[in-house]
Amino acid sequence: MGMKLDMRRRVTGERVDNTRRQQRVEEARVLIFKLGVPVNGARVKAILDEESYVPIRVSDSTYFIFN
């Protein structure tokens, strides 16, 4: 899996699927698919770029906590 530093980054930099992320992605999707705003437009970038989100939806977006 790589070096120890790579593994540490995977753990510390792990993204969490939370309500805030889901709301931002949904807001971008409305702009894109309902209002016709370009995916690479300034309005969509302002919503998604902060955390490098992508405006896609997975069939069932849930998250799990493993101990």
PDB file of N, CA and C in Angstrom:
ATOM      1  N   MET A   1       0.809  -1.198   0.000  1.00  0.00           N
ATOM      2  CA  MET A   1       0.000   0.000   0.000  1.00  0.00           C
ATOM      3  C   MET A   1       0.852   1.261   0.000  1.00  0.00           C
ATOM      4  N   GLY A   2       2.092   1.166  -0.091  1.00  0.00           N
ATOM      5  CA  GLY A   2       2.903   2.369  -0.089  1.00  0.00           C
ATOM      6  C   GLY A   2       3.717   2.508   1.180  1.00  0.00           C
ATOM      7  N   MET A   3       4.210   3.699   1.372  1.00  0.00           N
ATOM      8  CA  MET A   3       5.064   3.955   2.523  1.00  0.00           C
ATOM      9  C   MET A   3       4.216   4.317   3.743  1.00  0.00           C
ATOM     10  N   LYS A   4       4.867   4.351   4.901  1.00  0.00           N
ATOM     11  CA  LYS A   4       4.153   4.672   6.137  1.00  0.00           C
ATOM     12  C   LYS A   4       3.477   6.034   6.060  1.00  0.00           C
ATOM     13  N   LEU A   5       4.136   7.000   5.431  1.00  0.00           N
ATOM     14  CA  LEU A   5       3.569   8.338   5.290  1.00  0.00           C
ATOM     15  C   LEU A   5       2.284   8.283   4.459  1.00  0.00           C
ATOM     16  N   ASP A   6       2.274   7.474   3.407  1.00  0.00           N
ATOM     17  CA  ASP A   6       1.081   7.317   2.580  1.00  0.00           C
ATOM     18  C   ASP A   6      -0.084   6.771   3.412  1.00  0.00           C
ATOM     19  N   MET A   7       0.191   5.787   4.212  1.00  0.00           N
ATOM     20  CA  MET A   7      -0.859   5.186   5.049  1.00  0.00           C
ATOM     21  C   MET A   7      -1.386   6.200   6.065  1.00  0.00           C
ATOM     22  N   ARG A   8      -0.485   6.984   6.654  1.00  0.00           N
ATOM     23  CA  ARG A   8      -0.892   7.999   7.611  1.00  0.00           C
ATOM     24  C   ARG A   8      -1.811   9.029   6.946  1.00  0.00           C
ATOM     25  N   ARG A   9      -1.461   9.430   5.733  1.00  0.00           N
ATOM     26  CA  ARG A   9      -2.280  10.404   5.010  1.00  0.00           C
ATOM     27  C   ARG A   9      -3.661   9.847   4.689  1.00  0.00           C
ATOM     28  N   ARG A  10      -3.727   8.569   4.399  1.00  0.00           N
ATOM     29  CA  ARG A  10      -5.022   7.949   4.124  1.00  0.00           C
ATOM     30  C   ARG A  10      -5.933   8.012   5.343  1.00  0.00           C
ATOM     31  N   VAL A  11      -5.356   7.853   6.501  1.00  0.00           N
ATOM     32  CA  VAL A  11      -6.148   7.869   7.733  1.00  0.00           C
ATOM     33  C   VAL A  11      -6.488   9.293   8.149  1.00  0.00           C
ATOM     34  N   THR A  12      -5.501  10.178   8.169  1.00  0.00           N
ATOM     35  CA  THR A  12      -5.745  11.540   8.647  1.00  0.00           C
ATOM     36  C   THR A  12      -6.500  12.385   7.638  1.00  0.00           C
ATOM     37  N   GLY A  13      -6.382  12.075   6.356  1.00  0.00           N
ATOM     38  CA  GLY A  13      -7.040  12.867   5.323  1.00  0.00           C
ATOM     39  C   GLY A  13      -8.331  12.260   4.817  1.00  0.00           C
ATOM     40  N   GLU A  14      -8.836  11.269   5.539  1.00  0.00           N
ATOM     41  CA  GLU A  14     -10.046  10.565   5.111  1.00  0.00           C
ATOM     42  C   GLU A  14     -11.238  11.515   5.055  1.00  0.00           C
ATOM     43  N   ARG A  15     -11.992  11.451   3.979  1.00  0.00           N
ATOM     44  CA  ARG A  15     -13.189  12.281   3.847  1.00  0.00           C
ATOM     45  C   ARG A  15     -14.368  11.581   4.486  1.00  0.00           C
ATOM     46  N   VAL A  16     -15.237  12.368   5.078  1.00  0.00           N
ATOM     47  CA  VAL A  16     -16.414  11.822   5.741  1.00  0.00           C
ATOM     48  C   VAL A  16     -17.651  12.296   4.995  1.00  0.00           C
ATOM     49  N   ASP A  17     -18.550  11.365   4.732  1.00  0.00           N
ATOM     50  CA  ASP A  17     -19.800  11.709   4.082  1.00  0.00           C
ATOM     51  C   ASP A  17     -20.749  12.232   5.149  1.00  0.00           C
ATOM     52  N   ASN A  18     -20.878  13.555   5.221  1.00  0.00           N
ATOM     53  CA  ASN A  18     -21.733  14.144   6.241  1.00  0.00           C
ATOM     54  C   ASN A  18     -22.808  15.014   5.599  1.00  0.00           C
ATOM     55  N   THR A  19     -23.675  15.568   6.402  1.00  0.00           N
ATOM     56  CA  THR A  19     -24.788  16.372   5.916  1.00  0.00           C
ATOM     57  C   THR A  19     -24.304  17.598   5.158  1.00  0.00           C
ATOM     58  N   ARG A  20     -23.283  18.249   5.644  1.00  0.00           N
ATOM     59  CA  ARG A  20     -22.760  19.451   4.985  1.00  0.00           C
ATOM     60  C   ARG A  20     -22.301  19.133   3.569  1.00  0.00           C
ATOM     61  N   ARG A  21     -21.541  18.043   3.405  1.00  0.00           N
ATOM     62  CA  ARG A  21     -21.068  17.647   2.091  1.00  0.00           C
ATOM     63  C   ARG A  21     -22.234  17.317   1.172  1.00  0.00           C
ATOM     64  N   GLN A  22     -23.193  16.579   1.669  1.00  0.00           N
ATOM     65  CA  GLN A  22     -24.352  16.197   0.867  1.00  0.00           C
ATOM     66  C   GLN A  22     -25.143  17.420   0.416  1.00  0.00           C
ATOM     67  N   GLN A  23     -25.301  18.401   1.288  1.00  0.00           N
ATOM     68  CA  GLN A  23     -26.039  19.612   0.939  1.00  0.00           C
ATOM     69  C   GLN A  23     -25.315  20.411  -0.140  1.00  0.00           C
ATOM     70  N   ARG A  24     -24.006  20.523  -0.025  1.00  0.00           N
ATOM     71  CA  ARG A  24     -23.236  21.278  -1.021  1.00  0.00           C
ATOM     72  C   ARG A  24     -23.288  20.598  -2.379  1.00  0.00           C
ATOM     73  N   VAL A  25     -23.149  19.282  -2.396  1.00  0.00           N
ATOM     74  CA  VAL A  25     -23.212  18.545  -3.654  1.00  0.00           C
ATOM     75  C   VAL A  25     -24.604  18.672  -4.261  1.00  0.00           C
ATOM     76  N   GLU A  26     -25.634  18.567  -3.449  1.00  0.00           N
ATOM     77  CA  GLU A  26     -27.001  18.696  -3.956  1.00  0.00           C
ATOM     78  C   GLU A  26     -27.256  20.100  -4.501  1.00  0.00           C
ATOM     79  N   GLU A  27     -26.738  21.107  -3.839  1.00  0.00           N
ATOM     80  CA  GLU A  27     -26.876  22.481  -4.316  1.00  0.00           C
ATOM     81  C   GLU A  27     -26.224  22.637  -5.697  1.00  0.00           C
ATOM     82  N   ALA A  28     -25.050  22.061  -5.861  1.00  0.00           N
ATOM     83  CA  ALA A  28     -24.363  22.114  -7.153  1.00  0.00           C
ATOM     84  C   ALA A  28     -25.149  21.351  -8.209  1.00  0.00           C
ATOM     85  N   ARG A  29     -25.701  20.216  -7.846  1.00  0.00           N
ATOM     86  CA  ARG A  29     -26.492  19.426  -8.797  1.00  0.00           C
ATOM     87  C   ARG A  29     -27.720  20.189  -9.269  1.00  0.00           C
ATOM     88  N   VAL A  30     -28.371  20.916  -8.391  1.00  0.00           N
ATOM     89  CA  VAL A  30     -29.527  21.725  -8.783  1.00  0.00           C
ATOM     90  C   VAL A  30     -29.095  22.779  -9.799  1.00  0.00           C
ATOM     91  N   LEU A  31     -27.993  23.450  -9.506  1.00  0.00           N
ATOM     92  CA  LEU A  31     -27.493  24.459 -10.446  1.00  0.00           C
ATOM     93  C   LEU A  31     -27.203  23.849 -11.820  1.00  0.00           C
ATOM     94  N   ILE A  32     -26.568  22.687 -11.812  1.00  0.00           N
ATOM     95  CA  ILE A  32     -26.146  22.059 -13.066  1.00  0.00           C
ATOM     96  C   ILE A  32     -27.333  21.464 -13.829  1.00  0.00           C
ATOM     97  N   PHE A  33     -28.103  20.622 -13.162  1.00  0.00           N
ATOM     98  CA  PHE A  33     -29.102  19.832 -13.869  1.00  0.00           C
ATOM     99  C   PHE A  33     -30.469  20.500 -13.992  1.00  0.00           C
ATOM    100  N   LYS A  34     -30.794  21.424 -13.104  1.00  0.00           N
ATOM    101  CA  LYS A  34     -32.096  22.093 -13.195  1.00  0.00           C
ATOM    102  C   LYS A  34     -31.999  23.495 -13.776  1.00  0.00           C
ATOM    103  N   LEU A  35     -30.903  24.188 -13.505  1.00  0.00           N
ATOM    104  CA  LEU A  35     -30.772  25.562 -13.970  1.00  0.00           C
ATOM    105  C   LEU A  35     -29.816  25.705 -15.148  1.00  0.00           C
ATOM    106  N   GLY A  36     -29.138  24.624 -15.513  1.00  0.00           N
ATOM    107  CA  GLY A  36     -28.264  24.642 -16.680  1.00  0.00           C
ATOM    108  C   GLY A  36     -26.954  25.397 -16.512  1.00  0.00           C
ATOM    109  N   VAL A  37     -26.523  25.584 -15.279  1.00  0.00           N
ATOM    110  CA  VAL A  37     -25.247  26.265 -15.018  1.00  0.00           C
ATOM    111  C   VAL A  37     -24.109  25.326 -15.419  1.00  0.00           C
ATOM    112  N   PRO A  38     -23.085  25.823 -16.104  1.00  0.00           N
ATOM    113  CA  PRO A  38     -21.968  24.952 -16.503  1.00  0.00           C
ATOM    114  C   PRO A  38     -21.255  24.334 -15.303  1.00  0.00           C
ATOM    115  N   VAL A  39     -20.844  23.091 -15.460  1.00  0.00           N
ATOM    116  CA  VAL A  39     -20.147  22.377 -14.379  1.00  0.00           C
ATOM    117  C   VAL A  39     -18.881  23.120 -13.968  1.00  0.00           C
ATOM    118  N   ASN A  40     -18.191  23.712 -14.928  1.00  0.00           N
ATOM    119  CA  ASN A  40     -16.966  24.426 -14.604  1.00  0.00           C
ATOM    120  C   ASN A  40     -17.214  25.931 -14.441  1.00  0.00           C
ATOM    121  N   GLY A  41     -18.470  26.314 -14.233  1.00  0.00           N
ATOM    122  CA  GLY A  41     -18.808  27.718 -14.036  1.00  0.00           C
ATOM    123  C   GLY A  41     -18.443  28.215 -12.647  1.00  0.00           C
ATOM    124  N   ALA A  42     -18.388  29.504 -12.505  1.00  0.00           N
ATOM    125  CA  ALA A  42     -17.963  30.126 -11.243  1.00  0.00           C
ATOM    126  C   ALA A  42     -18.896  29.771 -10.083  1.00  0.00           C
ATOM    127  N   ARG A  43     -20.202  29.713 -10.347  1.00  0.00           N
ATOM    128  CA  ARG A  43     -21.151  29.423  -9.255  1.00  0.00           C
ATOM    129  C   ARG A  43     -20.960  28.014  -8.706  1.00  0.00           C
ATOM    130  N   VAL A  44     -20.765  27.048  -9.584  1.00  0.00           N
ATOM    131  CA  VAL A  44     -20.560  25.664  -9.149  1.00  0.00           C
ATOM    132  C   VAL A  44     -19.197  25.533  -8.476  1.00  0.00           C
ATOM    133  N   LYS A  45     -18.180  26.142  -9.044  1.00  0.00           N
ATOM    134  CA  LYS A  45     -16.845  26.086  -8.440  1.00  0.00           C
ATOM    135  C   LYS A  45     -16.840  26.685  -7.038  1.00  0.00           C
ATOM    136  N   ALA A  46     -17.600  27.756  -6.826  1.00  0.00           N
ATOM    137  CA  ALA A  46     -17.648  28.392  -5.514  1.00  0.00           C
ATOM    138  C   ALA A  46     -18.200  27.428  -4.456  1.00  0.00           C
ATOM    139  N   ILE A  47     -19.073  26.542  -4.864  1.00  0.00           N
ATOM    140  CA  ILE A  47     -19.669  25.582  -3.931  1.00  0.00           C
ATOM    141  C   ILE A  47     -18.752  24.389  -3.697  1.00  0.00           C
ATOM    142  N   LEU A  48     -18.162  23.869  -4.767  1.00  0.00           N
ATOM    143  CA  LEU A  48     -17.455  22.590  -4.686  1.00  0.00           C
ATOM    144  C   LEU A  48     -15.951  22.682  -4.462  1.00  0.00           C
ATOM    145  N   ASP A  49     -15.313  23.740  -4.907  1.00  0.00           N
ATOM    146  CA  ASP A  49     -13.853  23.784  -4.891  1.00  0.00           C
ATOM    147  C   ASP A  49     -13.216  23.787  -3.507  1.00  0.00           C
ATOM    148  N   GLU A  50     -13.894  24.322  -2.529  1.00  0.00           N
ATOM    149  CA  GLU A  50     -13.305  24.413  -1.189  1.00  0.00           C
ATOM    150  C   GLU A  50     -12.807  23.054  -0.695  1.00  0.00           C
ATOM    151  N   GLU A  51     -13.593  22.022  -0.917  1.00  0.00           N
ATOM    152  CA  GLU A  51     -13.223  20.686  -0.458  1.00  0.00           C
ATOM    153  C   GLU A  51     -12.992  19.713  -1.605  1.00  0.00           C
ATOM    154  N   SER A  52     -12.917  20.219  -2.826  1.00  0.00           N
ATOM    155  CA  SER A  52     -12.722  19.384  -4.021  1.00  0.00           C
ATOM    156  C   SER A  52     -13.835  18.349  -4.174  1.00  0.00           C
ATOM    157  N   TYR A  53     -15.065  18.759  -3.917  1.00  0.00           N
ATOM    158  CA  TYR A  53     -16.199  17.858  -4.077  1.00  0.00           C
ATOM    159  C   TYR A  53     -16.515  17.666  -5.550  1.00  0.00           C
ATOM    160  N   VAL A  54     -17.242  16.598  -5.866  1.00  0.00           N
ATOM    161  CA  VAL A  54     -17.655  16.285  -7.222  1.00  0.00           C
ATOM    162  C   VAL A  54     -19.175  16.142  -7.215  1.00  0.00           C
ATOM    163  N   PRO A  55     -19.876  16.747  -8.188  1.00  0.00           N
ATOM    164  CA  PRO A  55     -21.345  16.739  -8.152  1.00  0.00           C
ATOM    165  C   PRO A  55     -21.974  15.451  -8.665  1.00  0.00           C
ATOM    166  N   ILE A  56     -21.603  14.329  -8.057  1.00  0.00           N
ATOM    167  CA  ILE A  56     -22.210  13.057  -8.439  1.00  0.00           C
ATOM    168  C   ILE A  56     -22.936  12.484  -7.237  1.00  0.00           C
ATOM    169  N   ARG A  57     -23.845  11.584  -7.506  1.00  0.00           N
ATOM    170  CA  ARG A  57     -24.584  10.936  -6.428  1.00  0.00           C
ATOM    171  C   ARG A  57     -24.407   9.436  -6.577  1.00  0.00           C
ATOM    172  N   VAL A  58     -24.098   8.770  -5.495  1.00  0.00           N
ATOM    173  CA  VAL A  58     -23.987   7.317  -5.470  1.00  0.00           C
ATOM    174  C   VAL A  58     -25.361   6.799  -5.075  1.00  0.00           C
ATOM    175  N   SER A  59     -25.713   5.612  -5.496  1.00  0.00           N
ATOM    176  CA  SER A  59     -27.051   5.090  -5.276  1.00  0.00           C
ATOM    177  C   SER A  59     -27.494   5.180  -3.818  1.00  0.00           C
ATOM    178  N   ASP A  60     -26.633   4.824  -2.892  1.00  0.00           N
ATOM    179  CA  ASP A  60     -26.977   4.923  -1.475  1.00  0.00           C
ATOM    180  C   ASP A  60     -25.797   5.527  -0.751  1.00  0.00           C
ATOM    181  N   SER A  61     -25.894   6.791  -0.400  1.00  0.00           N
ATOM    182  CA  SER A  61     -24.783   7.478   0.224  1.00  0.00           C
ATOM    183  C   SER A  61     -24.925   7.400   1.740  1.00  0.00           C
ATOM    184  N   THR A  62     -24.239   6.443   2.328  1.00  0.00           N
ATOM    185  CA  THR A  62     -24.222   6.312   3.784  1.00  0.00           C
ATOM    186  C   THR A  62     -22.772   6.175   4.198  1.00  0.00           C
ATOM    187  N   TYR A  63     -22.504   6.443   5.451  1.00  0.00           N
ATOM    188  CA  TYR A  63     -21.141   6.266   5.911  1.00  0.00           C
ATOM    189  C   TYR A  63     -21.132   5.393   7.143  1.00  0.00           C
ATOM    190  N   PHE A  64     -20.033   4.727   7.328  1.00  0.00           N
ATOM    191  CA  PHE A  64     -19.873   3.777   8.405  1.00  0.00           C
ATOM    192  C   PHE A  64     -18.695   4.192   9.271  1.00  0.00           C
ATOM    193  N   ILE A  65     -18.786   3.878  10.525  1.00  0.00           N
ATOM    194  CA  ILE A  65     -17.688   4.143  11.456  1.00  0.00           C
ATOM    195  C   ILE A  65     -17.133   2.792  11.873  1.00  0.00           C
ATOM    196  N   PHE A  66     -15.859   2.599  11.610  1.00  0.00           N
ATOM    197  CA  PHE A  66     -15.199   1.352  11.989  1.00  0.00           C
ATOM    198  C   PHE A  66     -14.269   1.642  13.152  1.00  0.00           C
ATOM    199  N   ASN A  67     -14.309   0.780  14.138  1.00  0.00           N
ATOM    200  CA  ASN A  67     -13.423   0.924  15.292  1.00  0.00           C
ATOM    201  C   ASN A  67     -12.157   0.139  15.084  1.00  0.00           C
TER     202      ASN A  67
END
